[in-house]
Amino acid sequence: MDIATVIAIGKEAMKVTMLIAMPILIVSLIAGLLVSIFQAVTQIQEMTLTFIPKIIATAVTVIFLAPWMTKLLVNYVIHLYSSIPTFIK
C-alpha cells in the first residue's frame, strides 16, 4: 500500500464524514440562529430556550435522514472492504 492509496482512503473517509454531518450541523445552525433572533427581538434571555429547539431540530433531522446516512456509510464500508485485496498488492 503506497501513500497515494492511504491519502485516497482518508480523503474519501473525510468526504463521507462531512456528507453525514453537514445536514445535522446546518439544521442546528439555522435553529440556533432563529432562536437567537427570537431572543433578541423579545429580549427573553432564558438559557433553556437556546438548547431545546436545537435538540429537537437535530433529533428530527437525524430521524428523517438516518436511512440516507446509513446507506451512505454502509456503501463506503462495503467499497472499502471490497478494495482490501487491491490494497494488499
PDB file of N, CA and C in Angstrom:
ATOM      1  N   MET A   1       0.855  -1.170   0.000  1.00  0.00           N
ATOM      2  CA  MET A   1       0.000   0.000   0.000  1.00  0.00           C
ATOM      3  C   MET A   1       0.904   1.236   0.000  1.00  0.00           C
ATOM      4  N   ASP A   2       0.693   2.093  -0.959  1.00  0.00           N
ATOM      5  CA  ASP A   2       1.524   3.285  -1.052  1.00  0.00           C
ATOM      6  C   ASP A   2       0.818   4.484  -0.422  1.00  0.00           C
ATOM      7  N   ILE A   3       1.511   5.579  -0.362  1.00  0.00           N
ATOM      8  CA  ILE A   3       0.998   6.770   0.314  1.00  0.00           C
ATOM      9  C   ILE A   3      -0.201   7.370  -0.420  1.00  0.00           C
ATOM     10  N   ALA A   4      -0.249   7.233  -1.728  1.00  0.00           N
ATOM     11  CA  ALA A   4      -1.383   7.757  -2.502  1.00  0.00           C
ATOM     12  C   ALA A   4      -2.671   7.023  -2.156  1.00  0.00           C
ATOM     13  N   THR A   5      -2.569   5.733  -1.916  1.00  0.00           N
ATOM     14  CA  THR A   5      -3.745   4.944  -1.531  1.00  0.00           C
ATOM     15  C   THR A   5      -4.247   5.352  -0.161  1.00  0.00           C
ATOM     16  N   VAL A   6      -3.333   5.555   0.759  1.00  0.00           N
ATOM     17  CA  VAL A   6      -3.707   5.982   2.113  1.00  0.00           C
ATOM     18  C   VAL A   6      -4.382   7.356   2.067  1.00  0.00           C
ATOM     19  N   ILE A   7      -3.844   8.242   1.266  1.00  0.00           N
ATOM     20  CA  ILE A   7      -4.429   9.579   1.136  1.00  0.00           C
ATOM     21  C   ILE A   7      -5.813   9.492   0.503  1.00  0.00           C
ATOM     22  N   ALA A   8      -5.976   8.632  -0.492  1.00  0.00           N
ATOM     23  CA  ALA A   8      -7.279   8.473  -1.136  1.00  0.00           C
ATOM     24  C   ALA A   8      -8.319   7.916  -0.165  1.00  0.00           C
ATOM     25  N   ILE A   9      -7.913   6.949   0.653  1.00  0.00           N
ATOM     26  CA  ILE A   9      -8.827   6.391   1.656  1.00  0.00           C
ATOM     27  C   ILE A   9      -9.215   7.459   2.669  1.00  0.00           C
ATOM     28  N   GLY A  10      -8.240   8.212   3.147  1.00  0.00           N
ATOM     29  CA  GLY A  10      -8.518   9.279   4.104  1.00  0.00           C
ATOM     30  C   GLY A  10      -9.398  10.373   3.512  1.00  0.00           C
ATOM     31  N   LYS A  11      -9.147  10.699   2.260  1.00  0.00           N
ATOM     32  CA  LYS A  11      -9.952  11.728   1.587  1.00  0.00           C
ATOM     33  C   LYS A  11     -11.404  11.284   1.457  1.00  0.00           C
ATOM     34  N   GLU A  12     -11.594  10.031   1.064  1.00  0.00           N
ATOM     35  CA  GLU A  12     -12.961   9.509   0.928  1.00  0.00           C
ATOM     36  C   GLU A  12     -13.656   9.416   2.292  1.00  0.00           C
ATOM     37  N   ALA A  13     -12.914   9.045   3.326  1.00  0.00           N
ATOM     38  CA  ALA A  13     -13.485   8.981   4.672  1.00  0.00           C
ATOM     39  C   ALA A  13     -13.917  10.364   5.148  1.00  0.00           C
ATOM     40  N   MET A  14     -13.095  11.374   4.876  1.00  0.00           N
ATOM     41  CA  MET A  14     -13.468  12.743   5.259  1.00  0.00           C
ATOM     42  C   MET A  14     -14.680  13.228   4.472  1.00  0.00           C
ATOM     43  N   LYS A  15     -14.756  12.845   3.211  1.00  0.00           N
ATOM     44  CA  LYS A  15     -15.900  13.224   2.381  1.00  0.00           C
ATOM     45  C   LYS A  15     -17.194  12.625   2.931  1.00  0.00           C
ATOM     46  N   VAL A  16     -17.153  11.334   3.266  1.00  0.00           N
ATOM     47  CA  VAL A  16     -18.334  10.667   3.818  1.00  0.00           C
ATOM     48  C   VAL A  16     -18.706  11.276   5.164  1.00  0.00           C
ATOM     49  N   THR A  17     -17.720  11.559   5.990  1.00  0.00           N
ATOM     50  CA  THR A  17     -17.979  12.170   7.290  1.00  0.00           C
ATOM     51  C   THR A  17     -18.639  13.527   7.139  1.00  0.00           C
ATOM     52  N   MET A  18     -18.148  14.332   6.225  1.00  0.00           N
ATOM     53  CA  MET A  18     -18.740  15.654   6.015  1.00  0.00           C
ATOM     54  C   MET A  18     -20.150  15.547   5.439  1.00  0.00           C
ATOM     55  N   LEU A  19     -20.370  14.610   4.521  1.00  0.00           N
ATOM     56  CA  LEU A  19     -21.708  14.434   3.966  1.00  0.00           C
ATOM     57  C   LEU A  19     -22.709  13.993   5.030  1.00  0.00           C
ATOM     58  N   ILE A  20     -22.260  13.188   5.971  1.00  0.00           N
ATOM     59  CA  ILE A  20     -23.156  12.733   7.029  1.00  0.00           C
ATOM     60  C   ILE A  20     -23.412  13.842   8.052  1.00  0.00           C
ATOM     61  N   ALA A  21     -22.387  14.588   8.408  1.00  0.00           N
ATOM     62  CA  ALA A  21     -22.520  15.591   9.467  1.00  0.00           C
ATOM     63  C   ALA A  21     -23.126  16.907   8.989  1.00  0.00           C
ATOM     64  N   MET A  22     -22.942  17.250   7.733  1.00  0.00           N
ATOM     65  CA  MET A  22     -23.341  18.574   7.254  1.00  0.00           C
ATOM     66  C   MET A  22     -24.834  18.876   7.408  1.00  0.00           C
ATOM     67  N   PRO A  23     -25.757  17.983   7.048  1.00  0.00           N
ATOM     68  CA  PRO A  23     -27.169  18.328   7.230  1.00  0.00           C
ATOM     69  C   PRO A  23     -27.531  18.592   8.692  1.00  0.00           C
ATOM     70  N   ILE A  24     -26.970  17.801   9.586  1.00  0.00           N
ATOM     71  CA  ILE A  24     -27.260  17.991  11.010  1.00  0.00           C
ATOM     72  C   ILE A  24     -26.722  19.331  11.483  1.00  0.00           C
ATOM     73  N   LEU A  25     -25.514  19.663  11.087  1.00  0.00           N
ATOM     74  CA  LEU A  25     -24.916  20.927  11.503  1.00  0.00           C
ATOM     75  C   LEU A  25     -25.658  22.128  10.919  1.00  0.00           C
ATOM     76  N   ILE A  26     -26.089  22.024   9.672  1.00  0.00           N
ATOM     77  CA  ILE A  26     -26.811  23.136   9.052  1.00  0.00           C
ATOM     78  C   ILE A  26     -28.150  23.367   9.731  1.00  0.00           C
ATOM     79  N   VAL A  27     -28.884  22.289  10.012  1.00  0.00           N
ATOM     80  CA  VAL A  27     -30.174  22.439  10.695  1.00  0.00           C
ATOM     81  C   VAL A  27     -29.975  22.999  12.092  1.00  0.00           C
ATOM     82  N   SER A  28     -28.961  22.545  12.793  1.00  0.00           N
ATOM     83  CA  SER A  28     -28.676  23.065  14.132  1.00  0.00           C
ATOM     84  C   SER A  28     -28.291  24.544  14.079  1.00  0.00           C
ATOM     85  N   LEU A  29     -27.512  24.910  13.075  1.00  0.00           N
ATOM     86  CA  LEU A  29     -27.123  26.306  12.905  1.00  0.00           C
ATOM     87  C   LEU A  29     -28.331  27.192  12.627  1.00  0.00           C
ATOM     88  N   ILE A  30     -29.202  26.752  11.733  1.00  0.00           N
ATOM     89  CA  ILE A  30     -30.390  27.541  11.403  1.00  0.00           C
ATOM     90  C   ILE A  30     -31.317  27.649  12.606  1.00  0.00           C
ATOM     91  N   ALA A  31     -31.503  26.554  13.334  1.00  0.00           N
ATOM     92  CA  ALA A  31     -32.356  26.596  14.530  1.00  0.00           C
ATOM     93  C   ALA A  31     -31.766  27.542  15.574  1.00  0.00           C
ATOM     94  N   GLY A  32     -30.460  27.494  15.779  1.00  0.00           N
ATOM     95  CA  GLY A  32     -29.820  28.408  16.733  1.00  0.00           C
ATOM     96  C   GLY A  32     -29.933  29.856  16.308  1.00  0.00           C
ATOM     97  N   LEU A  33     -29.794  30.115  15.020  1.00  0.00           N
ATOM     98  CA  LEU A  33     -29.921  31.477  14.513  1.00  0.00           C
ATOM     99  C   LEU A  33     -31.344  32.000  14.705  1.00  0.00           C
ATOM    100  N   LEU A  34     -32.337  31.170  14.401  1.00  0.00           N
ATOM    101  CA  LEU A  34     -33.726  31.597  14.589  1.00  0.00           C
ATOM    102  C   LEU A  34     -34.050  31.858  16.057  1.00  0.00           C
ATOM    103  N   VAL A  35     -33.565  31.007  16.931  1.00  0.00           N
ATOM    104  CA  VAL A  35     -33.787  31.209  18.367  1.00  0.00           C
ATOM    105  C   VAL A  35     -33.082  32.478  18.837  1.00  0.00           C
ATOM    106  N   SER A  36     -31.885  32.732  18.352  1.00  0.00           N
ATOM    107  CA  SER A  36     -31.160  33.949  18.739  1.00  0.00           C
ATOM    108  C   SER A  36     -31.882  35.200  18.264  1.00  0.00           C
ATOM    109  N   ILE A  37     -32.404  35.156  17.050  1.00  0.00           N
ATOM    110  CA  ILE A  37     -33.176  36.296  16.549  1.00  0.00           C
ATOM    111  C   ILE A  37     -34.428  36.491  17.390  1.00  0.00           C
ATOM    112  N   PHE A  38     -35.102  35.392  17.721  1.00  0.00           N
ATOM    113  CA  PHE A  38     -36.286  35.467  18.569  1.00  0.00           C
ATOM    114  C   PHE A  38     -35.954  36.053  19.935  1.00  0.00           C
ATOM    115  N   GLN A  39     -34.844  35.630  20.522  1.00  0.00           N
ATOM    116  CA  GLN A  39     -34.435  36.163  21.824  1.00  0.00           C
ATOM    117  C   GLN A  39     -34.074  37.640  21.736  1.00  0.00           C
ATOM    118  N   ALA A  40     -33.439  38.042  20.655  1.00  0.00           N
ATOM    119  CA  ALA A  40     -33.065  39.449  20.509  1.00  0.00           C
ATOM    120  C   ALA A  40     -34.299  40.325  20.338  1.00  0.00           C
ATOM    121  N   VAL A  41     -35.285  39.824  19.611  1.00  0.00           N
ATOM    122  CA  VAL A  41     -36.498  40.610  19.370  1.00  0.00           C
ATOM    123  C   VAL A  41     -37.335  40.717  20.635  1.00  0.00           C
ATOM    124  N   THR A  42     -37.486  39.617  21.349  1.00  0.00           N
ATOM    125  CA  THR A  42     -38.353  39.614  22.534  1.00  0.00           C
ATOM    126  C   THR A  42     -37.607  39.921  23.828  1.00  0.00           C
ATOM    127  N   GLN A  43     -36.303  39.964  23.787  1.00  0.00           N
ATOM    128  CA  GLN A  43     -35.445  40.205  24.948  1.00  0.00           C
ATOM    129  C   GLN A  43     -35.652  39.169  26.052  1.00  0.00           C
ATOM    130  N   ILE A  44     -35.968  37.953  25.638  1.00  0.00           N
ATOM    131  CA  ILE A  44     -36.063  36.828  26.572  1.00  0.00           C
ATOM    132  C   ILE A  44     -34.692  36.173  26.617  1.00  0.00           C
ATOM    133  N   GLN A  45     -34.072  36.113  27.764  1.00  0.00           N
ATOM    134  CA  GLN A  45     -32.731  35.544  27.886  1.00  0.00           C
ATOM    135  C   GLN A  45     -32.758  34.255  28.706  1.00  0.00           C
ATOM    136  N   GLU A  46     -33.626  33.349  28.330  1.00  0.00           N
ATOM    137  CA  GLU A  46     -33.725  32.061  29.008  1.00  0.00           C
ATOM    138  C   GLU A  46     -32.723  31.081  28.396  1.00  0.00           C
ATOM    139  N   MET A  47     -31.915  30.447  29.223  1.00  0.00           N
ATOM    140  CA  MET A  47     -30.861  29.560  28.724  1.00  0.00           C
ATOM    141  C   MET A  47     -31.419  28.291  28.079  1.00  0.00           C
ATOM    142  N   THR A  48     -32.517  27.759  28.646  1.00  0.00           N
ATOM    143  CA  THR A  48     -33.072  26.532  28.073  1.00  0.00           C
ATOM    144  C   THR A  48     -33.710  26.786  26.724  1.00  0.00           C
ATOM    145  N   LEU A  49     -34.086  28.011  26.448  1.00  0.00           N
ATOM    146  CA  LEU A  49     -34.698  28.336  25.168  1.00  0.00           C
ATOM    147  C   LEU A  49     -33.721  28.140  24.012  1.00  0.00           C
ATOM    148  N   THR A  50     -32.448  28.245  24.270  1.00  0.00           N
ATOM    149  CA  THR A  50     -31.468  28.060  23.198  1.00  0.00           C
ATOM    150  C   THR A  50     -31.214  26.588  22.898  1.00  0.00           C
ATOM    151  N   PHE A  51     -31.325  25.731  23.913  1.00  0.00           N
ATOM    152  CA  PHE A  51     -30.961  24.329  23.722  1.00  0.00           C
ATOM    153  C   PHE A  51     -32.110  23.462  23.219  1.00  0.00           C
ATOM    154  N   ILE A  52     -33.293  23.659  23.746  1.00  0.00           N
ATOM    155  CA  ILE A  52     -34.417  22.773  23.425  1.00  0.00           C
ATOM    156  C   ILE A  52     -34.763  22.782  21.930  1.00  0.00           C
ATOM    157  N   PRO A  53     -34.919  23.936  21.272  1.00  0.00           N
ATOM    158  CA  PRO A  53     -35.223  23.894  19.834  1.00  0.00           C
ATOM    159  C   PRO A  53     -34.107  23.266  18.998  1.00  0.00           C
ATOM    160  N   LYS A  54     -32.853  23.511  19.379  1.00  0.00           N
ATOM    161  CA  LYS A  54     -31.750  22.909  18.630  1.00  0.00           C
ATOM    162  C   LYS A  54     -31.733  21.398  18.802  1.00  0.00           C
ATOM    163  N   ILE A  55     -31.998  20.924  19.993  1.00  0.00           N
ATOM    164  CA  ILE A  55     -32.027  19.476  20.235  1.00  0.00           C
ATOM    165  C   ILE A  55     -33.172  18.837  19.464  1.00  0.00           C
ATOM    166  N   ILE A  56     -34.331  19.471  19.479  1.00  0.00           N
ATOM    167  CA  ILE A  56     -35.479  18.930  18.752  1.00  0.00           C
ATOM    168  C   ILE A  56     -35.213  18.933  17.248  1.00  0.00           C
ATOM    169  N   ALA A  57     -34.701  20.037  16.721  1.00  0.00           N
ATOM    170  CA  ALA A  57     -34.413  20.124  15.286  1.00  0.00           C
ATOM    171  C   ALA A  57     -33.363  19.100  14.874  1.00  0.00           C
ATOM    172  N   THR A  58     -32.349  18.921  15.701  1.00  0.00           N
ATOM    173  CA  THR A  58     -31.306  17.946  15.402  1.00  0.00           C
ATOM    174  C   THR A  58     -31.864  16.527  15.445  1.00  0.00           C
ATOM    175  N   ALA A  59     -32.680  16.226  16.430  1.00  0.00           N
ATOM    176  CA  ALA A  59     -33.269  14.890  16.543  1.00  0.00           C
ATOM    177  C   ALA A  59     -34.179  14.589  15.357  1.00  0.00           C
ATOM    178  N   VAL A  60     -34.988  15.566  14.954  1.00  0.00           N
ATOM    179  CA  VAL A  60     -35.872  15.363  13.798  1.00  0.00           C
ATOM    180  C   VAL A  60     -35.053  15.150  12.529  1.00  0.00           C
ATOM    181  N   THR A  61     -33.982  15.902  12.383  1.00  0.00           N
ATOM    182  CA  THR A  61     -33.113  15.742  11.215  1.00  0.00           C
ATOM    183  C   THR A  61     -32.486  14.361  11.188  1.00  0.00           C
ATOM    184  N   VAL A  62     -31.998  13.905  12.319  1.00  0.00           N
ATOM    185  CA  VAL A  62     -31.387  12.573  12.383  1.00  0.00           C
ATOM    186  C   VAL A  62     -32.425  11.496  12.079  1.00  0.00           C
ATOM    187  N   ILE A  63     -33.632  11.663  12.589  1.00  0.00           N
ATOM    188  CA  ILE A  63     -34.677  10.661  12.345  1.00  0.00           C
ATOM    189  C   ILE A  63     -35.015  10.587  10.860  1.00  0.00           C
ATOM    190  N   PHE A  64     -35.167  11.750  10.218  1.00  0.00           N
ATOM    191  CA  PHE A  64     -35.545  11.742   8.809  1.00  0.00           C
ATOM    192  C   PHE A  64     -34.396  11.353   7.877  1.00  0.00           C
ATOM    193  N   LEU A  65     -33.175  11.694   8.237  1.00  0.00           N
ATOM    194  CA  LEU A  65     -32.047  11.417   7.359  1.00  0.00           C
ATOM    195  C   LEU A  65     -31.269  10.154   7.729  1.00  0.00           C
ATOM    196  N   ALA A  66     -31.696   9.453   8.763  1.00  0.00           N
ATOM    197  CA  ALA A  66     -30.974   8.243   9.190  1.00  0.00           C
ATOM    198  C   ALA A  66     -30.874   7.190   8.086  1.00  0.00           C
ATOM    199  N   PRO A  67     -31.936   6.932   7.314  1.00  0.00           N
ATOM    200  CA  PRO A  67     -31.767   5.935   6.243  1.00  0.00           C
ATOM    201  C   PRO A  67     -30.722   6.343   5.208  1.00  0.00           C
ATOM    202  N   TRP A  68     -30.725   7.608   4.822  1.00  0.00           N
ATOM    203  CA  TRP A  68     -29.739   8.088   3.854  1.00  0.00           C
ATOM    204  C   TRP A  68     -28.325   8.029   4.423  1.00  0.00           C
ATOM    205  N   MET A  69     -28.164   8.451   5.673  1.00  0.00           N
ATOM    206  CA  MET A  69     -26.849   8.418   6.311  1.00  0.00           C
ATOM    207  C   MET A  69     -26.338   6.982   6.444  1.00  0.00           C
ATOM    208  N   THR A  70     -27.216   6.081   6.836  1.00  0.00           N
ATOM    209  CA  THR A  70     -26.826   4.682   6.985  1.00  0.00           C
ATOM    210  C   THR A  70     -26.437   4.091   5.639  1.00  0.00           C
ATOM    211  N   LYS A  71     -27.221   4.387   4.606  1.00  0.00           N
ATOM    212  CA  LYS A  71     -26.915   3.878   3.272  1.00  0.00           C
ATOM    213  C   LYS A  71     -25.563   4.393   2.788  1.00  0.00           C
ATOM    214  N   LEU A  72     -25.296   5.670   3.008  1.00  0.00           N
ATOM    215  CA  LEU A  72     -24.026   6.263   2.593  1.00  0.00           C
ATOM    216  C   LEU A  72     -22.854   5.610   3.322  1.00  0.00           C
ATOM    217  N   LEU A  73     -22.983   5.430   4.621  1.00  0.00           N
ATOM    218  CA  LEU A  73     -21.912   4.831   5.404  1.00  0.00           C
ATOM    219  C   LEU A  73     -21.707   3.359   5.055  1.00  0.00           C
ATOM    220  N   VAL A  74     -22.793   2.629   4.869  1.00  0.00           N
ATOM    221  CA  VAL A  74     -22.682   1.209   4.513  1.00  0.00           C
ATOM    222  C   VAL A  74     -22.043   1.055   3.136  1.00  0.00           C
ATOM    223  N   ASN A  75     -22.426   1.904   2.187  1.00  0.00           N
ATOM    224  CA  ASN A  75     -21.808   1.834   0.855  1.00  0.00           C
ATOM    225  C   ASN A  75     -20.310   2.119   0.915  1.00  0.00           C
ATOM    226  N   TYR A  76     -19.919   3.078   1.755  1.00  0.00           N
ATOM    227  CA  TYR A  76     -18.492   3.373   1.904  1.00  0.00           C
ATOM    228  C   TYR A  76     -17.744   2.184   2.497  1.00  0.00           C
ATOM    229  N   VAL A  77     -18.313   1.586   3.523  1.00  0.00           N
ATOM    230  CA  VAL A  77     -17.644   0.459   4.176  1.00  0.00           C
ATOM    231  C   VAL A  77     -17.571  -0.739   3.231  1.00  0.00           C
ATOM    232  N   ILE A  78     -18.646  -0.990   2.486  1.00  0.00           N
ATOM    233  CA  ILE A  78     -18.620  -2.088   1.516  1.00  0.00           C
ATOM    234  C   ILE A  78     -17.544  -1.845   0.462  1.00  0.00           C
ATOM    235  N   HIS A  79     -17.472  -0.621  -0.030  1.00  0.00           N
ATOM    236  CA  HIS A  79     -16.445  -0.279  -1.015  1.00  0.00           C
ATOM    237  C   HIS A  79     -15.040  -0.439  -0.418  1.00  0.00           C
ATOM    238  N   LEU A  80     -14.880  -0.017   0.827  1.00  0.00           N
ATOM    239  CA  LEU A  80     -13.578  -0.123   1.478  1.00  0.00           C
ATOM    240  C   LEU A  80     -13.184  -1.581   1.679  1.00  0.00           C
ATOM    241  N   TYR A  81     -14.122  -2.407   2.157  1.00  0.00           N
ATOM    242  CA  TYR A  81     -13.813  -3.820   2.377  1.00  0.00           C
ATOM    243  C   TYR A  81     -13.582  -4.559   1.071  1.00  0.00           C
ATOM    244  N   SER A  82     -14.320  -4.206   0.027  1.00  0.00           N
ATOM    245  CA  SER A  82     -14.116  -4.887  -1.255  1.00  0.00           C
ATOM    246  C   SER A  82     -12.805  -4.465  -1.902  1.00  0.00           C
ATOM    247  N   SER A  83     -12.227  -3.352  -1.471  1.00  0.00           N
ATOM    248  CA  SER A  83     -10.958  -2.884  -2.029  1.00  0.00           C
ATOM    249  C   SER A  83      -9.755  -3.425  -1.283  1.00  0.00           C
ATOM    250  N   ILE A  84      -9.948  -4.183  -0.233  1.00  0.00           N
ATOM    251  CA  ILE A  84      -8.829  -4.696   0.557  1.00  0.00           C
ATOM    252  C   ILE A  84      -7.851  -5.520  -0.289  1.00  0.00           C
ATOM    253  N   PRO A  85      -8.329  -6.398  -1.180  1.00  0.00           N
ATOM    254  CA  PRO A  85      -7.340  -7.143  -1.983  1.00  0.00           C
ATOM    255  C   PRO A  85      -6.440  -6.249  -2.834  1.00  0.00           C
ATOM    256  N   THR A  86      -6.963  -5.131  -3.301  1.00  0.00           N
ATOM    257  CA  THR A  86      -6.118  -4.240  -4.088  1.00  0.00           C
ATOM    258  C   THR A  86      -5.129  -3.469  -3.210  1.00  0.00           C
ATOM    259  N   PHE A  87      -5.460  -3.316  -1.937  1.00  0.00           N
ATOM    260  CA  PHE A  87      -4.545  -2.612  -1.028  1.00  0.00           C
ATOM    261  C   PHE A  87      -3.354  -3.496  -0.653  1.00  0.00           C
ATOM    262  N   ILE A  88      -3.555  -4.791  -0.630  1.00  0.00           N
ATOM    263  CA  ILE A  88      -2.513  -5.706  -0.213  1.00  0.00           C
ATOM    264  C   ILE A  88      -1.409  -5.827  -1.247  1.00  0.00           C
ATOM    265  N   LYS A  89      -1.742  -5.663  -2.515  1.00  0.00           N
ATOM    266  CA  LYS A  89      -0.747  -5.797  -3.593  1.00  0.00           C
ATOM    267  C   LYS A  89       0.403  -4.844  -3.461  1.00  0.00           C
TER     268      LYS A  89
END
